[in-house]
N, C-alpha and C. Protein backbone atom coordinates (compact mmCIF):
# COMPACT_ATOMS: atom_id res chain seq x y z
N MET A 1 181.03 -26.19 56.66
CA MET A 1 180.72 -26.07 55.24
C MET A 1 179.34 -25.41 55.07
N LYS A 2 179.27 -24.43 54.20
CA LYS A 2 178.03 -23.70 53.97
C LYS A 2 177.08 -24.52 53.11
N LYS A 3 175.80 -24.52 53.50
CA LYS A 3 174.77 -25.24 52.77
C LYS A 3 174.50 -24.56 51.43
N LYS A 4 174.33 -25.37 50.38
CA LYS A 4 174.00 -24.84 49.05
C LYS A 4 172.56 -24.33 49.07
N VAL A 5 172.37 -23.12 48.62
CA VAL A 5 171.02 -22.56 48.52
C VAL A 5 170.40 -23.06 47.22
N ILE A 6 169.21 -23.57 47.34
CA ILE A 6 168.49 -24.09 46.18
C ILE A 6 168.08 -22.95 45.26
N THR A 7 168.04 -23.24 43.97
CA THR A 7 167.59 -22.27 42.97
C THR A 7 166.42 -22.88 42.20
N PHE A 8 165.80 -22.07 41.36
CA PHE A 8 164.72 -22.63 40.55
C PHE A 8 165.25 -23.64 39.54
N ASP A 9 166.52 -23.55 39.16
CA ASP A 9 167.12 -24.56 38.29
C ASP A 9 167.06 -25.94 38.95
N ASP A 10 167.30 -25.99 40.26
CA ASP A 10 167.18 -27.26 41.00
C ASP A 10 165.73 -27.75 40.97
N VAL A 11 164.80 -26.84 41.21
CA VAL A 11 163.37 -27.17 41.19
C VAL A 11 162.99 -27.71 39.81
N ARG A 12 163.42 -27.03 38.78
CA ARG A 12 163.11 -27.44 37.40
C ARG A 12 163.66 -28.84 37.12
N ARG A 13 164.92 -29.06 37.47
CA ARG A 13 165.57 -30.35 37.20
C ARG A 13 164.82 -31.50 37.88
N VAL A 14 164.50 -31.34 39.15
CA VAL A 14 163.80 -32.39 39.90
C VAL A 14 162.35 -32.52 39.42
N GLY A 15 161.69 -31.41 39.23
CA GLY A 15 160.28 -31.42 38.85
C GLY A 15 160.00 -32.01 37.48
N LEU A 16 160.91 -31.79 36.55
CA LEU A 16 160.69 -32.31 35.19
C LEU A 16 160.85 -33.82 35.11
N GLU A 17 161.33 -34.44 36.17
CA GLU A 17 161.41 -35.91 36.21
C GLU A 17 160.05 -36.53 36.52
N LEU A 18 159.10 -35.75 36.97
CA LEU A 18 157.78 -36.26 37.32
C LEU A 18 156.93 -36.46 36.06
N PRO A 19 156.01 -37.43 36.09
CA PRO A 19 155.20 -37.74 34.91
C PRO A 19 154.39 -36.54 34.41
N ASP A 20 154.43 -36.33 33.10
CA ASP A 20 153.65 -35.29 32.43
C ASP A 20 153.98 -33.87 32.87
N ALA A 21 155.12 -33.66 33.54
CA ALA A 21 155.51 -32.31 33.96
C ALA A 21 156.07 -31.54 32.77
N ASP A 22 155.65 -30.30 32.64
CA ASP A 22 156.09 -29.44 31.55
C ASP A 22 156.52 -28.09 32.08
N GLU A 23 157.50 -27.50 31.41
CA GLU A 23 157.90 -26.13 31.74
C GLU A 23 156.86 -25.18 31.19
N SER A 24 156.62 -24.13 31.94
CA SER A 24 155.63 -23.14 31.56
C SER A 24 155.99 -21.83 32.24
N THR A 25 155.04 -20.92 32.28
CA THR A 25 155.18 -19.70 33.06
C THR A 25 153.88 -19.47 33.81
N SER A 26 153.98 -18.70 34.88
CA SER A 26 152.80 -18.32 35.65
C SER A 26 153.08 -16.93 36.23
N TYR A 27 152.23 -15.99 35.93
CA TYR A 27 152.42 -14.60 36.37
C TYR A 27 153.80 -14.08 35.99
N GLY A 28 154.26 -14.48 34.81
CA GLY A 28 155.53 -13.99 34.28
C GLY A 28 156.77 -14.62 34.87
N THR A 29 156.61 -15.66 35.68
CA THR A 29 157.77 -16.33 36.26
C THR A 29 157.82 -17.78 35.77
N PRO A 30 159.00 -18.40 35.79
CA PRO A 30 159.11 -19.81 35.39
C PRO A 30 158.24 -20.68 36.29
N ALA A 31 157.65 -21.70 35.68
CA ALA A 31 156.73 -22.58 36.40
C ALA A 31 156.79 -23.98 35.83
N LEU A 32 156.26 -24.93 36.59
CA LEU A 32 156.07 -26.30 36.13
C LEU A 32 154.60 -26.64 36.30
N LYS A 33 154.06 -27.29 35.29
CA LYS A 33 152.66 -27.68 35.31
C LYS A 33 152.53 -29.16 34.95
N VAL A 34 151.46 -29.76 35.39
CA VAL A 34 151.13 -31.13 35.00
C VAL A 34 149.78 -31.06 34.29
N LYS A 35 149.80 -31.40 33.01
CA LYS A 35 148.60 -31.34 32.17
C LYS A 35 147.90 -29.99 32.30
N GLY A 36 148.69 -28.92 32.29
CA GLY A 36 148.16 -27.55 32.33
C GLY A 36 147.87 -27.00 33.71
N GLN A 37 148.01 -27.82 34.74
CA GLN A 37 147.70 -27.41 36.12
C GLN A 37 149.00 -27.07 36.86
N LEU A 38 149.11 -25.86 37.36
CA LEU A 38 150.31 -25.40 38.06
C LEU A 38 150.59 -26.24 39.30
N PHE A 39 151.87 -26.68 39.44
CA PHE A 39 152.24 -27.30 40.71
C PHE A 39 153.39 -26.59 41.39
N VAL A 40 154.16 -25.79 40.67
CA VAL A 40 155.19 -24.97 41.32
C VAL A 40 155.58 -23.83 40.38
N ARG A 41 155.85 -22.68 40.98
CA ARG A 41 156.35 -21.56 40.20
C ARG A 41 157.33 -20.76 41.06
N LEU A 42 158.18 -20.02 40.40
CA LEU A 42 159.09 -19.12 41.08
C LEU A 42 158.29 -17.90 41.52
N HIS A 43 158.41 -17.53 42.76
CA HIS A 43 157.71 -16.35 43.28
C HIS A 43 158.31 -15.10 42.65
N ASP A 44 157.52 -14.04 42.57
CA ASP A 44 157.98 -12.77 41.99
C ASP A 44 159.26 -12.25 42.64
N GLU A 45 159.42 -12.49 43.93
CA GLU A 45 160.61 -11.99 44.64
C GLU A 45 161.84 -12.86 44.40
N ARG A 46 161.65 -14.01 43.74
CA ARG A 46 162.72 -14.89 43.30
C ARG A 46 163.52 -15.58 44.41
N ASP A 47 163.13 -15.41 45.66
CA ASP A 47 163.84 -16.06 46.76
C ASP A 47 163.02 -17.19 47.37
N LYS A 48 161.92 -17.55 46.69
CA LYS A 48 161.03 -18.58 47.18
C LYS A 48 160.23 -19.15 46.02
N ILE A 49 159.58 -20.29 46.29
CA ILE A 49 158.67 -20.86 45.30
C ILE A 49 157.25 -20.86 45.87
N VAL A 50 156.30 -20.91 44.95
CA VAL A 50 154.89 -21.08 45.26
C VAL A 50 154.58 -22.52 44.90
N LEU A 51 154.18 -23.30 45.89
CA LEU A 51 154.04 -24.75 45.73
C LEU A 51 152.60 -25.18 46.01
N ARG A 52 152.01 -25.93 45.09
CA ARG A 52 150.65 -26.45 45.28
C ARG A 52 150.68 -27.39 46.48
N MET A 53 149.71 -27.26 47.37
CA MET A 53 149.72 -28.09 48.58
C MET A 53 148.29 -28.19 49.12
N PRO A 54 147.85 -29.41 49.45
CA PRO A 54 146.54 -29.54 50.09
C PRO A 54 146.50 -28.68 51.36
N MET A 55 145.39 -28.04 51.60
CA MET A 55 145.27 -27.06 52.70
C MET A 55 145.66 -27.64 54.06
N GLU A 56 145.18 -28.85 54.38
CA GLU A 56 145.48 -29.40 55.70
C GLU A 56 146.98 -29.72 55.85
N GLN A 57 147.58 -30.18 54.79
CA GLN A 57 149.02 -30.45 54.83
C GLN A 57 149.81 -29.15 54.93
N ARG A 58 149.35 -28.13 54.22
CA ARG A 58 149.99 -26.81 54.27
C ARG A 58 150.02 -26.29 55.71
N GLU A 59 148.89 -26.40 56.40
CA GLU A 59 148.81 -25.92 57.77
C GLU A 59 149.80 -26.66 58.67
N ASP A 60 149.90 -27.96 58.50
CA ASP A 60 150.86 -28.75 59.30
C ASP A 60 152.30 -28.32 59.02
N MET A 61 152.61 -28.10 57.75
CA MET A 61 153.97 -27.70 57.36
C MET A 61 154.33 -26.34 57.99
N MET A 62 153.41 -25.40 57.92
CA MET A 62 153.68 -24.07 58.46
C MET A 62 153.84 -24.11 59.98
N ARG A 63 153.08 -24.97 60.62
CA ARG A 63 153.18 -25.10 62.07
C ARG A 63 154.53 -25.73 62.46
N GLU A 64 154.96 -26.74 61.71
CA GLU A 64 156.19 -27.46 62.01
C GLU A 64 157.45 -26.64 61.72
N ASP A 65 157.46 -25.88 60.63
CA ASP A 65 158.66 -25.13 60.28
C ASP A 65 158.31 -23.82 59.56
N PRO A 66 157.86 -22.81 60.33
CA PRO A 66 157.40 -21.55 59.73
C PRO A 66 158.51 -20.72 59.06
N GLU A 67 159.77 -21.06 59.29
CA GLU A 67 160.83 -20.34 58.60
C GLU A 67 161.01 -20.82 57.17
N ILE A 68 160.54 -22.02 56.87
CA ILE A 68 160.60 -22.54 55.51
C ILE A 68 159.26 -22.38 54.81
N TYR A 69 158.18 -22.74 55.49
CA TYR A 69 156.85 -22.79 54.88
C TYR A 69 155.96 -21.71 55.48
N PHE A 70 155.37 -20.89 54.62
CA PHE A 70 154.54 -19.79 55.09
C PHE A 70 153.61 -19.34 53.97
N ILE A 71 152.69 -18.45 54.29
CA ILE A 71 151.82 -17.85 53.27
C ILE A 71 151.74 -16.35 53.54
N THR A 72 151.27 -15.65 52.55
CA THR A 72 150.91 -14.24 52.71
C THR A 72 149.39 -14.18 52.63
N ASP A 73 148.82 -13.04 52.93
CA ASP A 73 147.36 -12.90 52.85
C ASP A 73 146.83 -13.30 51.48
N HIS A 74 147.60 -13.02 50.44
CA HIS A 74 147.17 -13.35 49.08
C HIS A 74 146.87 -14.85 48.92
N TYR A 75 147.66 -15.72 49.57
CA TYR A 75 147.52 -17.17 49.40
C TYR A 75 146.64 -17.83 50.46
N ARG A 76 146.10 -17.06 51.38
CA ARG A 76 145.34 -17.61 52.50
C ARG A 76 144.23 -18.58 52.06
N ASP A 77 143.51 -18.25 51.00
CA ASP A 77 142.37 -19.07 50.58
C ASP A 77 142.67 -19.98 49.39
N TYR A 78 143.93 -20.12 49.06
CA TYR A 78 144.32 -20.95 47.91
C TYR A 78 145.20 -22.10 48.38
N PRO A 79 145.15 -23.24 47.67
CA PRO A 79 145.93 -24.41 48.09
C PRO A 79 147.40 -24.33 47.67
N TYR A 80 148.07 -23.30 48.16
CA TYR A 80 149.49 -23.11 47.87
C TYR A 80 150.21 -22.71 49.15
N VAL A 81 151.50 -23.02 49.19
CA VAL A 81 152.35 -22.60 50.30
C VAL A 81 153.60 -21.97 49.69
N LEU A 82 154.14 -20.99 50.35
CA LEU A 82 155.40 -20.38 49.94
C LEU A 82 156.53 -21.14 50.64
N VAL A 83 157.61 -21.36 49.90
CA VAL A 83 158.74 -22.14 50.42
C VAL A 83 160.01 -21.34 50.19
N SER A 84 160.70 -21.01 51.27
CA SER A 84 161.91 -20.20 51.21
C SER A 84 163.10 -21.02 50.69
N PHE A 85 163.77 -20.51 49.67
CA PHE A 85 164.98 -21.17 49.16
C PHE A 85 166.09 -21.19 50.21
N ALA A 86 166.19 -20.15 51.02
CA ALA A 86 167.30 -20.01 51.96
C ALA A 86 167.35 -21.16 52.97
N ARG A 87 166.20 -21.71 53.31
CA ARG A 87 166.15 -22.75 54.34
C ARG A 87 165.84 -24.14 53.80
N LEU A 88 165.41 -24.24 52.56
CA LEU A 88 165.02 -25.52 51.97
C LEU A 88 166.24 -26.37 51.66
N SER A 89 166.16 -27.67 51.94
CA SER A 89 167.28 -28.55 51.61
C SER A 89 166.97 -29.33 50.34
N LEU A 90 168.01 -29.64 49.61
CA LEU A 90 167.88 -30.40 48.37
C LEU A 90 167.29 -31.78 48.64
N GLU A 91 167.53 -32.32 49.83
CA GLU A 91 167.02 -33.64 50.19
C GLU A 91 165.49 -33.66 50.30
N THR A 92 164.89 -32.56 50.73
CA THR A 92 163.43 -32.52 50.89
C THR A 92 162.70 -32.12 49.61
N LEU A 93 163.42 -31.55 48.66
CA LEU A 93 162.80 -31.04 47.43
C LEU A 93 162.02 -32.10 46.65
N PRO A 94 162.56 -33.30 46.39
CA PRO A 94 161.79 -34.28 45.60
C PRO A 94 160.44 -34.63 46.22
N ASP A 95 160.39 -34.84 47.53
CA ASP A 95 159.12 -35.19 48.16
C ASP A 95 158.12 -34.03 48.09
N LEU A 96 158.61 -32.81 48.28
CA LEU A 96 157.73 -31.64 48.18
C LEU A 96 157.13 -31.54 46.78
N LEU A 97 157.97 -31.71 45.78
CA LEU A 97 157.48 -31.59 44.40
C LEU A 97 156.54 -32.73 44.04
N LYS A 98 156.79 -33.93 44.56
CA LYS A 98 155.87 -35.05 44.31
C LYS A 98 154.50 -34.76 44.91
N THR A 99 154.48 -34.21 46.12
CA THR A 99 153.22 -33.88 46.77
C THR A 99 152.47 -32.80 45.97
N ALA A 100 153.19 -31.78 45.53
CA ALA A 100 152.58 -30.70 44.75
C ALA A 100 152.07 -31.23 43.41
N HIS A 101 152.85 -32.09 42.76
CA HIS A 101 152.48 -32.70 41.49
C HIS A 101 151.20 -33.53 41.66
N ARG A 102 151.15 -34.32 42.73
CA ARG A 102 149.98 -35.15 43.01
C ARG A 102 148.75 -34.27 43.24
N ALA A 103 148.90 -33.19 44.00
CA ALA A 103 147.78 -32.28 44.29
C ALA A 103 147.27 -31.64 42.99
N ALA A 104 148.17 -31.24 42.12
CA ALA A 104 147.76 -30.65 40.84
C ALA A 104 147.10 -31.69 39.94
N SER A 105 147.61 -32.91 39.95
CA SER A 105 147.01 -33.99 39.16
C SER A 105 145.60 -34.29 39.63
N LEU A 106 145.40 -34.31 40.94
CA LEU A 106 144.06 -34.55 41.49
C LEU A 106 143.12 -33.41 41.14
N ALA A 107 143.62 -32.19 41.13
CA ALA A 107 142.79 -31.04 40.73
C ALA A 107 142.35 -31.18 39.29
N ASN A 108 143.24 -31.70 38.43
CA ASN A 108 142.90 -31.95 37.04
C ASN A 108 141.79 -32.97 36.93
N LYS A 109 141.86 -34.05 37.70
CA LYS A 109 140.84 -35.11 37.64
C LYS A 109 139.49 -34.59 38.11
N ARG A 110 139.49 -33.72 39.11
CA ARG A 110 138.23 -33.15 39.60
C ARG A 110 137.59 -32.24 38.55
N ARG A 111 138.41 -31.60 37.73
CA ARG A 111 137.88 -30.70 36.69
C ARG A 111 137.20 -31.46 35.57
N VAL A 112 137.64 -32.68 35.33
CA VAL A 112 137.16 -33.47 34.18
C VAL A 112 135.80 -34.01 34.37
């Protein structure tokens, strides 16, 4: 049986269940934010998401599974990781979004 490829509709459905999550846009693509702080958006190429992630956790994720989690030079100095839809499972999506949501929420608290 072929694995279902995740879409941004799946991301939206799961992400909007998190506290204070709102639909928005970022760089012209659909996004989810918590109190105005981005935690996930659809990448311009539409085959991946840009996910807020603490830097040290991002490095661990990329080391453990570089086919799912990676960055481009553009994201090297920012607390985000790219996540491939082709390899991502629906089972891991809620935990990923919770981590991203928490990271964005903490960024909001630091700004205040």
